[in-house]
Structures are given as C-alpha cells and as structure tokens.
PDB file of N, CA and C in Angstrom:
ATOM      1  N   MET A   1    -158.743 -36.528  81.694  1.00  0.00           N
ATOM      2  CA  MET A   1    -159.334 -35.136  81.996  1.00  0.00           C
ATOM      3  C   MET A   1    -160.528 -35.455  82.966  1.00  0.00           C
ATOM      4  N   HIS A   2    -160.218 -35.044  84.250  1.00  0.00           N
ATOM      5  CA  HIS A   2    -161.327 -35.068  85.119  1.00  0.00           C
ATOM      6  C   HIS A   2    -162.471 -34.112  85.026  1.00  0.00           C
ATOM      7  N   MET A   3    -162.312 -32.998  84.516  1.00  0.00           N
ATOM      8  CA  MET A   3    -163.303 -31.940  84.252  1.00  0.00           C
ATOM      9  C   MET A   3    -163.074 -31.250  83.138  1.00  0.00           C
ATOM     10  N   LEU A   4    -164.047 -31.180  82.171  1.00  0.00           N
ATOM     11  CA  LEU A   4    -163.956 -30.608  80.919  1.00  0.00           C
ATOM     12  C   LEU A   4    -164.559 -29.233  80.846  1.00  0.00           C
ATOM     13  N   ASP A   5    -164.097 -28.116  80.150  1.00  0.00           N
ATOM     14  CA  ASP A   5    -164.659 -27.030  80.139  1.00  0.00           C
ATOM     15  C   ASP A   5    -165.789 -26.833  79.470  1.00  0.00           C
ATOM     16  N   LYS A   6    -166.585 -25.965  79.313  1.00  0.00           N
ATOM     17  CA  LYS A   6    -167.795 -25.941  78.801  1.00  0.00           C
ATOM     18  C   LYS A   6    -167.729 -26.265  77.134  1.00  0.00           C
ATOM     19  N   GLU A   7    -166.754 -25.635  76.326  1.00  0.00           N
ATOM     20  CA  GLU A   7    -166.811 -26.063  74.931  1.00  0.00           C
ATOM     21  C   GLU A   7    -166.215 -27.398  74.840  1.00  0.00           C
ATOM     22  N   GLN A   8    -165.154 -27.926  75.661  1.00  0.00           N
ATOM     23  CA  GLN A   8    -164.909 -29.286  75.510  1.00  0.00           C
ATOM     24  C   GLN A   8    -165.959 -30.269  75.827  1.00  0.00           C
ATOM     25  N   LEU A   9    -166.616 -29.933  76.859  1.00  0.00           N
ATOM     26  CA  LEU A   9    -167.890 -30.847  77.272  1.00  0.00           C
ATOM     27  C   LEU A   9    -168.894 -30.988  76.220  1.00  0.00           C
ATOM     28  N   ALA A  10    -169.084 -29.783  75.388  1.00  0.00           N
ATOM     29  CA  ALA A  10    -170.112 -29.839  74.368  1.00  0.00           C
ATOM     30  C   ALA A  10    -169.548 -30.831  73.294  1.00  0.00           C
ATOM     31  N   ALA A  11    -168.321 -30.644  72.885  1.00  0.00           N
ATOM     32  CA  ALA A  11    -167.669 -31.679  72.054  1.00  0.00           C
ATOM     33  C   ALA A  11    -167.649 -33.103  72.173  1.00  0.00           C
ATOM     34  N   PHE A  12    -167.444 -33.345  73.731  1.00  0.00           N
ATOM     35  CA  PHE A  12    -167.526 -34.616  74.266  1.00  0.00           C
ATOM     36  C   PHE A  12    -168.637 -35.294  74.029  1.00  0.00           C
ATOM     37  N   ARG A  13    -169.810 -34.422  74.491  1.00  0.00           N
ATOM     38  CA  ARG A  13    -171.046 -35.078  74.308  1.00  0.00           C
ATOM     39  C   ARG A  13    -171.492 -35.154  73.013  1.00  0.00           C
ATOM     40  N   ASP A  14    -171.270 -34.466  72.201  1.00  0.00           N
ATOM     41  CA  ASP A  14    -171.537 -34.563  70.762  1.00  0.00           C
ATOM     42  C   ASP A  14    -171.001 -35.793  70.161  1.00  0.00           C
ATOM     43  N   ALA A  15    -169.670 -36.125  70.444  1.00  0.00           N
ATOM     44  CA  ALA A  15    -168.930 -37.295  70.027  1.00  0.00           C
ATOM     45  C   ALA A  15    -169.439 -38.593  70.611  1.00  0.00           C
ATOM     46  N   ILE A  16    -169.927 -38.583  71.892  1.00  0.00           N
ATOM     47  CA  ILE A  16    -170.474 -39.791  72.548  1.00  0.00           C
ATOM     48  C   ILE A  16    -171.772 -40.215  71.679  1.00  0.00           C
ATOM     49  N   VAL A  17    -172.749 -39.011  71.201  1.00  0.00           N
ATOM     50  CA  VAL A  17    -173.864 -39.505  70.513  1.00  0.00           C
ATOM     51  C   VAL A  17    -173.729 -39.791  69.014  1.00  0.00           C
ATOM     52  N   ASP A  18    -172.531 -39.487  68.416  1.00  0.00           N
ATOM     53  CA  ASP A  18    -172.218 -39.510  67.221  1.00  0.00           C
ATOM     54  C   ASP A  18    -171.719 -40.835  66.914  1.00  0.00           C
ATOM     55  N   ALA A  19    -172.600 -41.752  65.801  1.00  0.00           N
ATOM     56  CA  ALA A  19    -172.386 -42.920  65.400  1.00  0.00           C
ATOM     57  C   ALA A  19    -170.815 -43.404  65.615  1.00  0.00           C
ATOM     58  N   LYS A  20    -170.159 -42.853  64.645  1.00  0.00           N
ATOM     59  CA  LYS A  20    -168.824 -43.206  64.511  1.00  0.00           C
ATOM     60  C   LYS A  20    -167.800 -43.147  65.682  1.00  0.00           C
ATOM     61  N   GLN A  21    -167.844 -41.619  66.254  1.00  0.00           N
ATOM     62  CA  GLN A  21    -167.086 -41.628  67.462  1.00  0.00           C
ATOM     63  C   GLN A  21    -167.416 -42.061  68.546  1.00  0.00           C
ATOM     64  N   GLY A  22    -168.754 -42.262  68.835  1.00  0.00           N
ATOM     65  CA  GLY A  22    -169.409 -42.981  69.949  1.00  0.00           C
ATOM     66  C   GLY A  22    -168.953 -44.401  70.174  1.00  0.00           C
ATOM     67  N   THR A  23    -168.966 -45.215  68.668  1.00  0.00           N
ATOM     68  CA  THR A  23    -168.553 -46.493  68.613  1.00  0.00           C
ATOM     69  C   THR A  23    -167.111 -46.551  68.848  1.00  0.00           C
ATOM     70  N   ALA A  24    -166.184 -45.668  68.419  1.00  0.00           N
ATOM     71  CA  ALA A  24    -164.855 -45.604  68.783  1.00  0.00           C
ATOM     72  C   ALA A  24    -164.504 -45.531  70.291  1.00  0.00           C
ATOM     73  N   LEU A  25    -165.273 -44.793  70.953  1.00  0.00           N
ATOM     74  CA  LEU A  25    -165.209 -44.457  72.324  1.00  0.00           C
ATOM     75  C   LEU A  25    -165.411 -45.782  73.187  1.00  0.00           C
ATOM     76  N   MET A  26    -166.514 -46.527  72.665  1.00  0.00           N
ATOM     77  CA  MET A  26    -166.762 -47.841  73.434  1.00  0.00           C
ATOM     78  C   MET A  26    -165.758 -48.935  73.190  1.00  0.00           C
ATOM     79  N   ALA A  27    -165.228 -48.766  71.952  1.00  0.00           N
ATOM     80  CA  ALA A  27    -163.974 -49.861  71.615  1.00  0.00           C
ATOM     81  C   ALA A  27    -162.801 -49.542  72.435  1.00  0.00           C
ATOM     82  N   ALA A  28    -162.647 -48.131  72.643  1.00  0.00           N
ATOM     83  CA  ALA A  28    -161.453 -47.734  73.482  1.00  0.00           C
ATOM     84  C   ALA A  28    -161.581 -48.242  74.874  1.00  0.00           C
ATOM     85  N   ILE A  29    -162.864 -47.985  75.424  1.00  0.00           N
ATOM     86  CA  ILE A  29    -163.192 -48.410  76.759  1.00  0.00           C
ATOM     87  C   ILE A  29    -162.942 -49.775  76.940  1.00  0.00           C
ATOM     88  N   ASP A  30    -163.670 -50.545  75.977  1.00  0.00           N
ATOM     89  CA  ASP A  30    -163.401 -52.020  76.190  1.00  0.00           C
ATOM     90  C   ASP A  30    -162.063 -52.601  76.071  1.00  0.00           C
ATOM     91  N   LYS A  31    -161.213 -51.820  75.201  1.00  0.00           N
ATOM     92  CA  LYS A  31    -159.719 -52.270  74.981  1.00  0.00           C
ATOM     93  C   LYS A  31    -159.034 -52.122  76.424  1.00  0.00           C
ATOM     94  N   VAL A  32    -159.220 -50.870  77.010  1.00  0.00           N
ATOM     95  CA  VAL A  32    -158.571 -50.524  78.261  1.00  0.00           C
ATOM     96  C   VAL A  32    -159.163 -51.425  79.406  1.00  0.00           C
ATOM     97  N   LYS A  33    -160.352 -51.772  79.492  1.00  0.00           N
ATOM     98  CA  LYS A  33    -160.951 -52.675  80.534  1.00  0.00           C
ATOM     99  C   LYS A  33    -160.458 -54.248  80.331  1.00  0.00           C
ATOM    100  N   LYS A  34    -160.273 -54.416  79.161  1.00  0.00           N
ATOM    101  CA  LYS A  34    -159.710 -55.928  78.901  1.00  0.00           C
ATOM    102  C   LYS A  34    -158.123 -55.857  79.181  1.00  0.00           C
ATOM    103  N   ALA A  35    -157.471 -54.816  79.135  1.00  0.00           N
ATOM    104  CA  ALA A  35    -156.071 -54.883  79.362  1.00  0.00           C
ATOM    105  C   ALA A  35    -155.695 -55.054  80.709  1.00  0.00           C
ATOM    106  N   GLY A  36    -156.640 -55.016  81.779  1.00  0.00           N
ATOM    107  CA  GLY A  36    -155.984 -55.175  83.175  1.00  0.00           C
ATOM    108  C   GLY A  36    -157.313 -54.479  83.986  1.00  0.00           C
ATOM    109  N   PRO A  37    -156.844 -54.476  85.295  1.00  0.00           N
ATOM    110  CA  PRO A  37    -157.781 -53.959  86.234  1.00  0.00           C
ATOM    111  C   PRO A  37    -158.117 -52.428  86.325  1.00  0.00           C
ATOM    112  N   TYR A  38    -158.627 -52.056  85.094  1.00  0.00           N
ATOM    113  CA  TYR A  38    -158.806 -50.568  85.028  1.00  0.00           C
ATOM    114  C   TYR A  38    -160.155 -50.103  85.002  1.00  0.00           C
ATOM    115  N   ALA A  39    -160.461 -49.004  85.781  1.00  0.00           N
ATOM    116  CA  ALA A  39    -161.775 -48.334  85.650  1.00  0.00           C
ATOM    117  C   ALA A  39    -161.802 -47.068  84.756  1.00  0.00           C
ATOM    118  N   VAL A  40    -163.007 -47.148  84.006  1.00  0.00           N
ATOM    119  CA  VAL A  40    -162.964 -45.854  83.299  1.00  0.00           C
ATOM    120  C   VAL A  40    -164.163 -45.176  83.840  1.00  0.00           C
ATOM    121  N   GLY A  41    -164.033 -43.765  84.057  1.00  0.00           N
ATOM    122  CA  GLY A  41    -164.988 -43.038  84.711  1.00  0.00           C
ATOM    123  C   GLY A  41    -165.146 -41.728  84.381  1.00  0.00           C
ATOM    124  N   GLY A  42    -165.963 -40.919  85.059  1.00  0.00           N
ATOM    125  CA  GLY A  42    -166.084 -39.426  84.991  1.00  0.00           C
ATOM    126  C   GLY A  42    -167.492 -38.979  85.274  1.00  0.00           C
ATOM    127  N   ALA A  43    -168.346 -39.994  85.459  1.00  0.00           N
ATOM    128  CA  ALA A  43    -169.730 -39.569  85.898  1.00  0.00           C
ATOM    129  C   ALA A  43    -169.762 -38.637  87.185  1.00  0.00           C
ATOM    130  N   ALA A  44    -170.677 -37.641  86.780  1.00  0.00           N
ATOM    131  CA  ALA A  44    -170.754 -36.337  87.811  1.00  0.00           C
ATOM    132  C   ALA A  44    -172.117 -35.930  87.791  1.00  0.00           C
ATOM    133  N   ARG A  45    -173.039 -36.522  86.780  1.00  0.00           N
ATOM    134  CA  ARG A  45    -174.398 -36.187  86.622  1.00  0.00           C
ATOM    135  C   ARG A  45    -175.224 -37.363  87.198  1.00  0.00           C
ATOM    136  N   LYS A  46    -176.489 -37.033  87.577  1.00  0.00           N
ATOM    137  CA  LYS A  46    -177.396 -38.022  87.976  1.00  0.00           C
ATOM    138  C   LYS A  46    -178.327 -38.355  86.781  1.00  0.00           C
ATOM    139  N   THR A  47    -178.477 -37.206  85.965  1.00  0.00           N
ATOM    140  CA  THR A  47    -179.429 -37.368  84.808  1.00  0.00           C
ATOM    141  C   THR A  47    -178.805 -37.035  83.458  1.00  0.00           C
ATOM    142  N   VAL A  48    -179.272 -37.547  82.423  1.00  0.00           N
ATOM    143  CA  VAL A  48    -178.819 -37.188  81.220  1.00  0.00           C
ATOM    144  C   VAL A  48    -179.071 -35.555  80.852  1.00  0.00           C
ATOM    145  N   PRO A  49    -178.045 -34.975  80.387  1.00  0.00           N
ATOM    146  CA  PRO A  49    -178.309 -33.362  80.061  1.00  0.00           C
ATOM    147  C   PRO A  49    -179.498 -33.133  79.244  1.00  0.00           C
ATOM    148  N   ARG A  50    -180.095 -32.020  79.375  1.00  0.00           N
ATOM    149  CA  ARG A  50    -181.205 -31.630  78.489  1.00  0.00           C
ATOM    150  C   ARG A  50    -180.716 -31.570  77.144  1.00  0.00           C
ATOM    151  N   GLY A  51    -181.551 -31.969  76.399  1.00  0.00           N
ATOM    152  CA  GLY A  51    -181.410 -32.056  74.827  1.00  0.00           C
ATOM    153  C   GLY A  51    -180.822 -33.271  74.387  1.00  0.00           C
ATOM    154  N   PHE A  52    -180.254 -34.330  75.209  1.00  0.00           N
ATOM    155  CA  PHE A  52    -180.002 -35.532  74.693  1.00  0.00           C
ATOM    156  C   PHE A  52    -181.021 -36.564  75.228  1.00  0.00           C
ATOM    157  N   ASP A  53    -180.942 -37.614  74.310  1.00  0.00           N
ATOM    158  CA  ASP A  53    -181.936 -38.788  74.546  1.00  0.00           C
ATOM    159  C   ASP A  53    -181.628 -39.619  75.754  1.00  0.00           C
ATOM    160  N   LYS A  54    -182.284 -39.769  76.589  1.00  0.00           N
ATOM    161  CA  LYS A  54    -182.108 -40.597  77.813  1.00  0.00           C
ATOM    162  C   LYS A  54    -182.089 -42.057  77.489  1.00  0.00           C
ATOM    163  N   GLU A  55    -182.622 -42.428  76.382  1.00  0.00           N
ATOM    164  CA  GLU A  55    -182.585 -43.851  75.983  1.00  0.00           C
ATOM    165  C   GLU A  55    -181.520 -44.176  74.950  1.00  0.00           C
ATOM    166  N   HIS A  56    -180.669 -43.106  74.665  1.00  0.00           N
ATOM    167  CA  HIS A  56    -179.477 -43.358  73.832  1.00  0.00           C
ATOM    168  C   HIS A  56    -178.514 -44.655  74.247  1.00  0.00           C
ATOM    169  N   PRO A  57    -178.206 -45.421  73.315  1.00  0.00           N
ATOM    170  CA  PRO A  57    -177.247 -46.528  73.652  1.00  0.00           C
ATOM    171  C   PRO A  57    -176.151 -46.192  74.653  1.00  0.00           C
ATOM    172  N   ARG A  58    -175.590 -44.947  74.450  1.00  0.00           N
ATOM    173  CA  ARG A  58    -174.502 -44.439  75.219  1.00  0.00           C
ATOM    174  C   ARG A  58    -174.922 -43.490  76.382  1.00  0.00           C
ATOM    175  N   ALA A  59    -176.196 -43.466  76.649  1.00  0.00           N
ATOM    176  CA  ALA A  59    -176.587 -42.511  77.535  1.00  0.00           C
ATOM    177  C   ALA A  59    -175.772 -42.332  78.879  1.00  0.00           C
ATOM    178  N   GLU A  60    -175.305 -43.356  79.389  1.00  0.00           N
ATOM    179  CA  GLU A  60    -174.755 -43.406  80.535  1.00  0.00           C
ATOM    180  C   GLU A  60    -173.239 -42.584  80.541  1.00  0.00           C
ATOM    181  N   LEU A  61    -172.824 -42.586  79.338  1.00  0.00           N
ATOM    182  CA  LEU A  61    -171.607 -41.692  79.166  1.00  0.00           C
ATOM    183  C   LEU A  61    -171.900 -40.308  79.257  1.00  0.00           C
ATOM    184  N   LEU A  62    -173.078 -40.064  78.850  1.00  0.00           N
ATOM    185  CA  LEU A  62    -173.568 -38.478  78.827  1.00  0.00           C
ATOM    186  C   LEU A  62    -173.719 -38.101  80.195  1.00  0.00           C
ATOM    187  N   LEU A  63    -173.466 -38.829  81.271  1.00  0.00           N
ATOM    188  CA  LEU A  63    -173.589 -38.550  82.690  1.00  0.00           C
ATOM    189  C   LEU A  63    -172.112 -38.163  83.122  1.00  0.00           C
ATOM    190  N   TYR A  64    -171.128 -38.337  82.347  1.00  0.00           N
ATOM    191  CA  TYR A  64    -169.828 -37.927  82.473  1.00  0.00           C
ATOM    192  C   TYR A  64    -169.550 -36.385  82.227  1.00  0.00           C
ATOM    193  N   GLU A  65    -168.667 -35.761  82.836  1.00  0.00           N
ATOM    194  CA  GLU A  65    -168.361 -34.399  82.713  1.00  0.00           C
ATOM    195  C   GLU A  65    -166.740 -34.381  82.539  1.00  0.00           C
ATOM    196  N   GLY A  66    -166.204 -35.581  82.515  1.00  0.00           N
ATOM    197  CA  GLY A  66    -164.939 -35.724  82.308  1.00  0.00           C
ATOM    198  C   GLY A  66    -164.635 -37.221  81.841  1.00  0.00           C
ATOM    199  N   LEU A  67    -163.314 -37.521  81.402  1.00  0.00           N
ATOM    200  CA  LEU A  67    -163.179 -38.782  81.189  1.00  0.00           C
ATOM    201  C   LEU A  67    -161.820 -39.316  81.529  1.00  0.00           C
ATOM    202  N   HIS A  68    -161.794 -40.584  82.361  1.00  0.00           N
ATOM    203  CA  HIS A  68    -160.407 -40.755  82.946  1.00  0.00           C
ATOM    204  C   HIS A  68    -160.283 -42.438  83.053  1.00  0.00           C
ATOM    205  N   SER A  69    -159.354 -42.747  83.079  1.00  0.00           N
ATOM    206  CA  SER A  69    -159.133 -44.204  83.441  1.00  0.00           C
ATOM    207  C   SER A  69    -158.164 -44.364  84.653  1.00  0.00           C
ATOM    208  N   ALA A  70    -158.083 -45.506  85.262  1.00  0.00           N
ATOM    209  CA  ALA A  70    -157.298 -45.674  86.463  1.00  0.00           C
ATOM    210  C   ALA A  70    -156.996 -47.126  86.592  1.00  0.00           C
ATOM    211  N   TRP A  71    -155.823 -47.471  87.035  1.00  0.00           N
ATOM    212  CA  TRP A  71    -155.498 -48.889  87.474  1.00  0.00           C
ATOM    213  C   TRP A  71    -156.019 -49.053  88.814  1.00  0.00           C
ATOM    214  N   GLU A  72    -156.747 -50.183  89.054  1.00  0.00           N
ATOM    215  CA  GLU A  72    -157.439 -50.575  90.312  1.00  0.00           C
ATOM    216  C   GLU A  72    -156.814 -51.757  90.739  1.00  0.00           C
ATOM    217  N   GLY A  73    -155.991 -51.727  91.692  1.00  0.00           N
ATOM    218  CA  GLY A  73    -155.303 -52.872  92.095  1.00  0.00           C
ATOM    219  C   GLY A  73    -154.612 -52.741  93.245  1.00  0.00           C
ATOM    220  N   PRO A  74    -153.831 -53.824  93.905  1.00  0.00           N
ATOM    221  CA  PRO A  74    -153.353 -53.529  95.185  1.00  0.00           C
ATOM    222  C   PRO A  74    -151.813 -52.725  94.852  1.00  0.00           C
ATOM    223  N   TRP A  75    -151.345 -52.252  95.958  1.00  0.00           N
ATOM    224  CA  TRP A  75    -150.114 -51.533  95.785  1.00  0.00           C
ATOM    225  C   TRP A  75    -149.104 -52.569  95.061  1.00  0.00           C
ATOM    226  N   PRO A  76    -148.316 -52.119  94.061  1.00  0.00           N
ATOM    227  CA  PRO A  76    -147.445 -52.920  93.388  1.00  0.00           C
ATOM    228  C   PRO A  76    -146.095 -53.002  94.055  1.00  0.00           C
ATOM    229  N   ALA A  77    -145.446 -54.253  94.200  1.00  0.00           N
ATOM    230  CA  ALA A  77    -144.191 -54.400  94.682  1.00  0.00           C
ATOM    231  C   ALA A  77    -143.237 -53.453  93.989  1.00  0.00           C
ATOM    232  N   GLU A  78    -143.354 -53.098  92.697  1.00  0.00           N
ATOM    233  CA  GLU A  78    -142.392 -52.458  91.818  1.00  0.00           C
ATOM    234  C   GLU A  78    -142.353 -51.170  92.353  1.00  0.00           C
ATOM    235  N   ALA A  79    -143.448 -50.578  93.147  1.00  0.00           N
ATOM    236  CA  ALA A  79    -143.563 -49.180  93.553  1.00  0.00           C
ATOM    237  C   ALA A  79    -142.276 -48.659  94.378  1.00  0.00           C
ATOM    238  N   ALA A  80    -141.623 -49.803  94.899  1.00  0.00           N
ATOM    239  CA  ALA A  80    -140.570 -49.391  96.017  1.00  0.00           C
ATOM    240  C   ALA A  80    -139.239 -49.791  95.367  1.00  0.00           C
ATOM    241  N   THR A  81    -139.177 -50.040  94.030  1.00  0.00           N
ATOM    242  CA  THR A  81    -138.001 -50.329  93.393  1.00  0.00           C
ATOM    243  C   THR A  81    -137.853 -49.577  92.078  1.00  0.00           C
ATOM    244  N   ALA A  82    -136.652 -49.627  91.499  1.00  0.00           N
ATOM    245  CA  ALA A  82    -136.329 -48.947  90.208  1.00  0.00           C
ATOM    246  C   ALA A  82    -136.993 -49.355  89.049  1.00  0.00           C
ATOM    247  N   LYS A  83    -137.862 -50.334  89.264  1.00  0.00           N
ATOM    248  CA  LYS A  83    -138.779 -50.909  88.048  1.00  0.00           C
ATOM    249  C   LYS A  83    -140.026 -49.983  88.201  1.00  0.00           C
ATOM    250  N   CYS A  84    -140.316 -49.206  88.989  1.00  0.00           N
ATOM    251  CA  CYS A  84    -141.441 -48.341  89.208  1.00  0.00           C
ATOM    252  C   CYS A  84    -141.712 -47.449  87.913  1.00  0.00           C
ATOM    253  N   PRO A  85    -140.866 -46.761  87.199  1.00  0.00           N
ATOM    254  CA  PRO A  85    -141.102 -46.125  86.064  1.00  0.00           C
ATOM    255  C   PRO A  85    -141.521 -46.986  84.923  1.00  0.00           C
ATOM    256  N   ASP A  86    -141.021 -48.068  84.942  1.00  0.00           N
ATOM    257  CA  ASP A  86    -141.371 -49.066  83.652  1.00  0.00           C
ATOM    258  C   ASP A  86    -142.832 -49.573  84.105  1.00  0.00           C
ATOM    259  N   TRP A  87    -143.179 -49.847  85.311  1.00  0.00           N
ATOM    260  CA  TRP A  87    -144.374 -50.393  85.635  1.00  0.00           C
ATOM    261  C   TRP A  87    -145.354 -49.421  85.228  1.00  0.00           C
ATOM    262  N   CYS A  88    -145.241 -48.160  85.592  1.00  0.00           N
ATOM    263  CA  CYS A  88    -146.192 -46.940  85.319  1.00  0.00           C
ATOM    264  C   CYS A  88    -146.253 -46.764  83.890  1.00  0.00           C
ATOM    265  N   ALA A  89    -145.217 -46.885  83.040  1.00  0.00           N
ATOM    266  CA  ALA A  89    -145.442 -46.523  81.761  1.00  0.00           C
ATOM    267  C   ALA A  89    -146.133 -47.698  80.886  1.00  0.00           C
ATOM    268  N   ALA A  90    -146.265 -48.896  81.554  1.00  0.00           N
ATOM    269  CA  ALA A  90    -146.656 -49.894  80.876  1.00  0.00           C
ATOM    270  C   ALA A  90    -148.317 -49.846  81.300  1.00  0.00           C
ATOM    271  N   HIS A  91    -148.589 -49.410  82.409  1.00  0.00           N
ATOM    272  CA  HIS A  91    -150.045 -48.873  82.604  1.00  0.00           C
ATOM    273  C   HIS A  91    -150.454 -47.930  81.892  1.00  0.00           C
ATOM    274  N   PHE A  92    -149.702 -46.604  81.680  1.00  0.00           N
ATOM    275  CA  PHE A  92    -149.992 -45.677  80.980  1.00  0.00           C
ATOM    276  C   PHE A  92    -150.557 -46.116  79.517  1.00  0.00           C
ATOM    277  N   ARG A  93    -149.576 -46.942  78.985  1.00  0.00           N
ATOM    278  CA  ARG A  93    -149.691 -47.455  77.526  1.00  0.00           C
ATOM    279  C   ARG A  93    -151.046 -48.029  77.468  1.00  0.00           C
ATOM    280  N   ALA A  94    -151.315 -49.033  78.372  1.00  0.00           N
ATOM    281  CA  ALA A  94    -152.575 -49.768  78.438  1.00  0.00           C
ATOM    282  C   ALA A  94    -154.004 -49.156  78.394  1.00  0.00           C
ATOM    283  N   GLN A  95    -153.715 -47.783  79.159  1.00  0.00           N
ATOM    284  CA  GLN A  95    -154.855 -46.915  79.195  1.00  0.00           C
ATOM    285  C   GLN A  95    -154.952 -45.929  78.281  1.00  0.00           C
ATOM    286  N   TRP A  96    -153.942 -45.763  77.291  1.00  0.00           N
ATOM    287  CA  TRP A  96    -154.021 -44.702  76.282  1.00  0.00           C
ATOM    288  C   TRP A  96    -154.926 -44.584  75.357  1.00  0.00           C
ATOM    289  N   PRO A  97    -155.866 -45.867  74.943  1.00  0.00           N
ATOM    290  CA  PRO A  97    -156.789 -45.805  74.057  1.00  0.00           C
ATOM    291  C   PRO A  97    -157.856 -44.774  74.495  1.00  0.00           C
ATOM    292  N   VAL A  98    -158.193 -44.638  75.747  1.00  0.00           N
ATOM    293  CA  VAL A  98    -159.142 -43.808  76.057  1.00  0.00           C
ATOM    294  C   VAL A  98    -158.535 -42.272  76.001  1.00  0.00           C
ATOM    295  N   GLY A  99    -157.465 -42.049  76.423  1.00  0.00           N
ATOM    296  CA  GLY A  99    -156.883 -40.773  76.478  1.00  0.00           C
ATOM    297  C   GLY A  99    -156.542 -40.233  74.921  1.00  0.00           C
ATOM    298  N   LYS A 100    -156.260 -41.146  74.001  1.00  0.00           N
ATOM    299  CA  LYS A 100    -156.051 -40.927  72.613  1.00  0.00           C
ATOM    300  C   LYS A 100    -157.387 -40.630  71.777  1.00  0.00           C
ATOM    301  N   TRP A 101    -158.593 -41.339  72.322  1.00  0.00           N
ATOM    302  CA  TRP A 101    -159.699 -40.774  71.848  1.00  0.00           C
ATOM    303  C   TRP A 101    -160.347 -39.435  72.424  1.00  0.00           C
ATOM    304  N   LEU A 102    -160.132 -39.282  73.521  1.00  0.00           N
ATOM    305  CA  LEU A 102    -160.328 -37.949  74.245  1.00  0.00           C
ATOM    306  C   LEU A 102    -159.587 -36.873  73.390  1.00  0.00           C
ATOM    307  N   LEU A 103    -158.408 -36.802  73.439  1.00  0.00           N
ATOM    308  CA  LEU A 103    -157.513 -36.054  72.582  1.00  0.00           C
ATOM    309  C   LEU A 103    -157.879 -35.775  71.238  1.00  0.00           C
ATOM    310  N   GLY A 104    -158.325 -36.697  70.661  1.00  0.00           N
ATOM    311  CA  GLY A 104    -159.056 -36.759  69.044  1.00  0.00           C
ATOM    312  C   GLY A 104    -160.171 -35.896  69.082  1.00  0.00           C
ATOM    313  N   VAL A 105    -161.112 -36.078  70.068  1.00  0.00           N
ATOM    314  CA  VAL A 105    -162.301 -35.305  70.061  1.00  0.00           C
ATOM    315  C   VAL A 105    -161.967 -33.817  70.518  1.00  0.00           C
ATOM    316  N   LEU A 106    -161.124 -33.606  71.282  1.00  0.00           N
ATOM    317  CA  LEU A 106    -160.982 -32.197  71.844  1.00  0.00           C
ATOM    318  C   LEU A 106    -159.928 -31.295  70.947  1.00  0.00           C
ATOM    319  N   GLU A 107    -159.172 -32.045  70.145  1.00  0.00           N
ATOM    320  CA  GLU A 107    -158.269 -31.259  69.132  1.00  0.00           C
ATOM    321  C   GLU A 107    -159.027 -31.079  67.733  1.00  0.00           C
ATOM    322  N   SER A 108    -160.160 -31.707  67.485  1.00  0.00           N
ATOM    323  CA  SER A 108    -160.659 -31.407  66.324  1.00  0.00           C
ATOM    324  C   SER A 108    -161.521 -30.236  66.220  1.00  0.00           C
TER     325      SER A 108
END
C-alpha cells in the first residue's frame, strides 16, 4: 500500500509504536530483506508526526505514510519467457511477510 487513508494511517502508526505489533513488523521487514534484493519503504515525511516520540526505536517507520516492498535487481532473463509468472510468484511470496503484517493491522 503506497498511501494509507487517514484511518489506516492512524492504525499503522499505532501498530508501529506498539511493542508486540512493532516487533512483528521489524521481524517481517528483516525476513523480506534477508530473502533477496528487496527494499522496504514508504517514507514520505521528513519528521516524526506530532504526538509520537522522535526517539522511539521505530521512529524511522513513523515517517512512512504507506508500506511496500519491491525487488531491486537487474531485469530478469525470465521476464521474456514462459517462466515469468513463476518468477513473479516466487518474489511475491518472499515479500509477503510485510504485506501480511500490514493486512493484519488494517483488518483489525
């Protein structure tokens, strides 16, 4: 999700600073980054939102107004073959921990 609406953004920020949910997010991000050349992002702000501790251990994530992950690598040879859907599916699965965390926060 590249941009969260107002209610989603509030839930997202509350989850970031929550000990259990925030720790789960960091674990999801770490898992995705270890799985391949993936970037996790969503930073849109230059400062931590008003009302949040700028010294919080996950304050950097409070700069995000969305959350997404993306494969960062050269154009794959598979892109021009019938193997492309399988290649894409494998990368989607590798990045799913971030999406799953976000879905859990937004659905609750």
